[in-house]
Amino acid sequence: MQSTNPDLTSLFQQLGLPAGAADVDSFVSQHAPLPERLALADASFWNLGQATFLREQLVADAEWAELIDQLDLLLRRPR
C-alpha cells in the first residue's frame, strides 16, 4: 500500500499492525524505550517481513523513511 501523504497510521497499516491512534500509542508504550545502540529494524518485536521493509525503506531513503525515523524517535523516548 502506498499513499501520497503517508502518516504513522499508514505506516502501521503497511507493517500489518493495528493502526488507530490508540493502537499506535499502545505500541509505542509497550515497546519504548529501545536501547540506544539497537537499530529499529533489529528490535525483537518485528517479524522478518516488517524488519526487511524498515531496512529497505531506510536504505533507499524512500517515501516511508521519514515516518520510520519518526517512529524510531518515538520508541527512543523514555517512558
N, C-alpha and C. Protein backbone atom coordinates (compact mmCIF):
# COMPACT_ATOMS: atom_id res chain seq x y z
N MET A 1 0.85 -1.17 0.00
CA MET A 1 0.00 0.00 0.00
C MET A 1 0.89 1.23 0.00
N GLN A 2 0.67 2.12 -0.90
CA GLN A 2 1.39 3.38 -0.96
C GLN A 2 0.38 4.51 -0.82
N SER A 3 0.83 5.59 -0.29
CA SER A 3 -0.02 6.76 -0.09
C SER A 3 0.74 7.98 -0.55
N THR A 4 0.02 9.01 -1.03
CA THR A 4 0.71 10.22 -1.46
C THR A 4 1.21 11.02 -0.28
N ASN A 5 0.53 10.96 0.85
CA ASN A 5 0.95 11.64 2.07
C ASN A 5 0.89 10.66 3.23
N PRO A 6 1.87 9.77 3.32
CA PRO A 6 1.80 8.77 4.39
C PRO A 6 1.95 9.40 5.77
N ASP A 7 1.35 8.75 6.75
CA ASP A 7 1.45 9.18 8.14
C ASP A 7 1.69 7.91 8.97
N LEU A 8 1.78 8.08 10.30
CA LEU A 8 2.04 6.90 11.14
C LEU A 8 0.95 5.84 10.99
N THR A 9 -0.28 6.27 10.81
CA THR A 9 -1.36 5.31 10.61
C THR A 9 -1.10 4.47 9.38
N SER A 10 -0.73 5.11 8.28
CA SER A 10 -0.48 4.35 7.06
C SER A 10 0.78 3.50 7.17
N LEU A 11 1.78 3.95 7.92
CA LEU A 11 2.97 3.13 8.16
C LEU A 11 2.58 1.88 8.93
N PHE A 12 1.78 2.02 9.96
CA PHE A 12 1.34 0.85 10.72
C PHE A 12 0.52 -0.09 9.85
N GLN A 13 -0.32 0.45 8.99
CA GLN A 13 -1.08 -0.39 8.06
C GLN A 13 -0.12 -1.13 7.14
N GLN A 14 0.87 -0.43 6.64
CA GLN A 14 1.86 -1.04 5.74
C GLN A 14 2.59 -2.19 6.44
N LEU A 15 2.82 -2.03 7.73
CA LEU A 15 3.51 -3.05 8.52
C LEU A 15 2.56 -4.17 8.98
N GLY A 16 1.27 -4.04 8.66
CA GLY A 16 0.30 -5.06 9.03
C GLY A 16 -0.08 -5.02 10.50
N LEU A 17 0.03 -3.83 11.10
CA LEU A 17 -0.28 -3.65 12.52
C LEU A 17 -1.58 -2.89 12.69
N PRO A 18 -2.27 -3.05 13.83
CA PRO A 18 -3.42 -2.20 14.11
C PRO A 18 -2.97 -0.74 14.03
N ALA A 19 -3.79 0.11 13.40
CA ALA A 19 -3.28 1.43 13.02
C ALA A 19 -4.07 2.62 13.55
N GLY A 20 -5.00 2.42 14.44
CA GLY A 20 -5.69 3.56 15.02
C GLY A 20 -4.75 4.35 15.92
N ALA A 21 -5.12 5.57 16.23
CA ALA A 21 -4.27 6.41 17.08
C ALA A 21 -3.98 5.73 18.42
N ALA A 22 -4.98 5.11 19.02
CA ALA A 22 -4.78 4.41 20.29
C ALA A 22 -3.86 3.20 20.10
N ASP A 23 -3.95 2.54 18.94
CA ASP A 23 -3.08 1.40 18.65
C ASP A 23 -1.62 1.83 18.55
N VAL A 24 -1.39 2.94 17.87
CA VAL A 24 -0.03 3.47 17.73
C VAL A 24 0.52 3.83 19.10
N ASP A 25 -0.28 4.54 19.90
CA ASP A 25 0.15 4.93 21.24
C ASP A 25 0.46 3.70 22.10
N SER A 26 -0.38 2.69 22.01
CA SER A 26 -0.18 1.47 22.78
C SER A 26 1.09 0.76 22.35
N PHE A 27 1.33 0.68 21.05
CA PHE A 27 2.54 0.04 20.53
C PHE A 27 3.78 0.74 21.06
N VAL A 28 3.79 2.06 21.00
CA VAL A 28 4.94 2.83 21.48
C VAL A 28 5.12 2.62 22.98
N SER A 29 4.04 2.68 23.73
CA SER A 29 4.12 2.48 25.18
C SER A 29 4.65 1.09 25.52
N GLN A 30 4.22 0.10 24.76
CA GLN A 30 4.62 -1.28 25.03
C GLN A 30 6.09 -1.53 24.72
N HIS A 31 6.63 -0.87 23.69
CA HIS A 31 7.96 -1.21 23.21
C HIS A 31 9.05 -0.18 23.52
N ALA A 32 8.67 0.97 24.03
CA ALA A 32 9.67 2.00 24.35
C ALA A 32 10.16 1.81 25.78
N PRO A 33 11.33 2.22 26.07
CA PRO A 33 12.32 2.78 25.15
C PRO A 33 13.21 1.69 24.56
N LEU A 34 13.58 1.88 23.32
CA LEU A 34 14.54 0.98 22.68
C LEU A 34 15.95 1.32 23.16
N PRO A 35 16.79 0.33 23.32
CA PRO A 35 18.18 0.63 23.66
C PRO A 35 18.82 1.50 22.59
N GLU A 36 19.67 2.41 23.02
CA GLU A 36 20.28 3.38 22.12
C GLU A 36 21.01 2.74 20.95
N ARG A 37 21.70 1.65 21.20
CA ARG A 37 22.54 1.03 20.15
C ARG A 37 21.79 0.02 19.28
N LEU A 38 20.52 -0.20 19.55
CA LEU A 38 19.73 -1.15 18.79
C LEU A 38 19.07 -0.44 17.61
N ALA A 39 19.36 -0.91 16.40
CA ALA A 39 18.68 -0.36 15.22
C ALA A 39 17.21 -0.73 15.29
N LEU A 40 16.37 0.18 14.86
CA LEU A 40 14.93 -0.04 14.92
C LEU A 40 14.55 -1.37 14.27
N ALA A 41 15.07 -1.64 13.10
CA ALA A 41 14.71 -2.87 12.38
C ALA A 41 15.20 -4.13 13.07
N ASP A 42 16.13 -4.01 14.01
CA ASP A 42 16.66 -5.16 14.73
C ASP A 42 15.89 -5.47 16.01
N ALA A 43 14.89 -4.67 16.32
CA ALA A 43 14.10 -4.91 17.54
C ALA A 43 13.37 -6.24 17.41
N SER A 44 13.26 -6.95 18.52
CA SER A 44 12.72 -8.32 18.51
C SER A 44 11.22 -8.39 18.22
N PHE A 45 10.52 -7.26 18.29
CA PHE A 45 9.07 -7.31 18.11
C PHE A 45 8.64 -7.28 16.64
N TRP A 46 9.59 -7.10 15.70
CA TRP A 46 9.24 -7.13 14.27
C TRP A 46 9.34 -8.55 13.75
N ASN A 47 8.48 -8.89 12.81
CA ASN A 47 8.68 -10.16 12.11
C ASN A 47 9.66 -9.90 10.96
N LEU A 48 10.06 -10.93 10.27
CA LEU A 48 11.07 -10.80 9.22
C LEU A 48 10.64 -9.82 8.13
N GLY A 49 9.40 -9.92 7.69
CA GLY A 49 8.91 -9.03 6.64
C GLY A 49 8.90 -7.58 7.07
N GLN A 50 8.48 -7.32 8.29
CA GLN A 50 8.46 -5.95 8.81
C GLN A 50 9.87 -5.39 8.91
N ALA A 51 10.78 -6.17 9.46
CA ALA A 51 12.17 -5.72 9.61
C ALA A 51 12.80 -5.44 8.25
N THR A 52 12.54 -6.32 7.29
CA THR A 52 13.07 -6.13 5.94
C THR A 52 12.51 -4.85 5.32
N PHE A 53 11.23 -4.64 5.45
CA PHE A 53 10.61 -3.42 4.93
C PHE A 53 11.26 -2.18 5.53
N LEU A 54 11.42 -2.16 6.84
CA LEU A 54 12.02 -1.00 7.51
C LEU A 54 13.43 -0.74 6.99
N ARG A 55 14.24 -1.78 6.92
CA ARG A 55 15.62 -1.62 6.43
C ARG A 55 15.65 -1.12 4.99
N GLU A 56 14.87 -1.74 4.12
CA GLU A 56 14.88 -1.37 2.70
C GLU A 56 14.43 0.06 2.49
N GLN A 57 13.42 0.47 3.21
CA GLN A 57 12.90 1.83 3.05
C GLN A 57 13.91 2.87 3.52
N LEU A 58 14.61 2.57 4.61
CA LEU A 58 15.62 3.50 5.12
C LEU A 58 16.82 3.58 4.18
N VAL A 59 17.29 2.44 3.69
CA VAL A 59 18.43 2.42 2.79
C VAL A 59 18.12 3.18 1.50
N ALA A 60 16.91 3.02 1.00
CA ALA A 60 16.51 3.66 -0.25
C ALA A 60 16.10 5.12 -0.04
N ASP A 61 16.06 5.56 1.22
CA ASP A 61 15.55 6.89 1.54
C ASP A 61 14.21 7.11 0.83
N ALA A 62 13.37 6.10 0.92
CA ALA A 62 12.08 6.06 0.25
C ALA A 62 11.05 6.93 0.97
N GLU A 63 9.87 6.96 0.40
CA GLU A 63 8.76 7.76 0.92
C GLU A 63 8.50 7.49 2.40
N TRP A 64 8.70 6.25 2.82
CA TRP A 64 8.42 5.86 4.20
C TRP A 64 9.53 6.21 5.17
N ALA A 65 10.71 6.55 4.70
CA ALA A 65 11.88 6.73 5.57
C ALA A 65 11.65 7.78 6.65
N GLU A 66 11.03 8.89 6.31
CA GLU A 66 10.80 9.94 7.30
C GLU A 66 9.87 9.45 8.41
N LEU A 67 8.85 8.70 8.05
CA LEU A 67 7.94 8.16 9.07
C LEU A 67 8.60 7.08 9.91
N ILE A 68 9.45 6.29 9.30
CA ILE A 68 10.20 5.28 10.05
C ILE A 68 11.11 5.98 11.06
N ASP A 69 11.75 7.06 10.63
CA ASP A 69 12.57 7.85 11.56
C ASP A 69 11.73 8.43 12.69
N GLN A 70 10.53 8.89 12.36
CA GLN A 70 9.63 9.43 13.38
C GLN A 70 9.25 8.35 14.39
N LEU A 71 8.93 7.15 13.91
CA LEU A 71 8.61 6.04 14.80
C LEU A 71 9.81 5.69 15.66
N ASP A 72 10.98 5.69 15.05
CA ASP A 72 12.22 5.41 15.80
C ASP A 72 12.37 6.39 16.95
N LEU A 73 12.18 7.66 16.68
CA LEU A 73 12.29 8.66 17.74
C LEU A 73 11.26 8.43 18.85
N LEU A 74 10.03 8.10 18.47
CA LEU A 74 9.00 7.83 19.48
C LEU A 74 9.40 6.65 20.37
N LEU A 75 10.01 5.65 19.76
CA LEU A 75 10.39 4.45 20.50
C LEU A 75 11.66 4.64 21.32
N ARG A 76 12.37 5.72 21.12
CA ARG A 76 13.59 6.02 21.89
C ARG A 76 13.30 6.82 23.17
N ARG A 77 12.15 7.44 23.22
CA ARG A 77 11.81 8.26 24.39
C ARG A 77 11.63 7.39 25.62
N PRO A 78 12.20 7.84 26.73
CA PRO A 78 11.95 7.08 27.97
C PRO A 78 10.49 7.19 28.36
N ARG A 79 9.99 6.19 29.01
CA ARG A 79 8.58 6.19 29.46
C ARG A 79 8.38 7.14 30.60
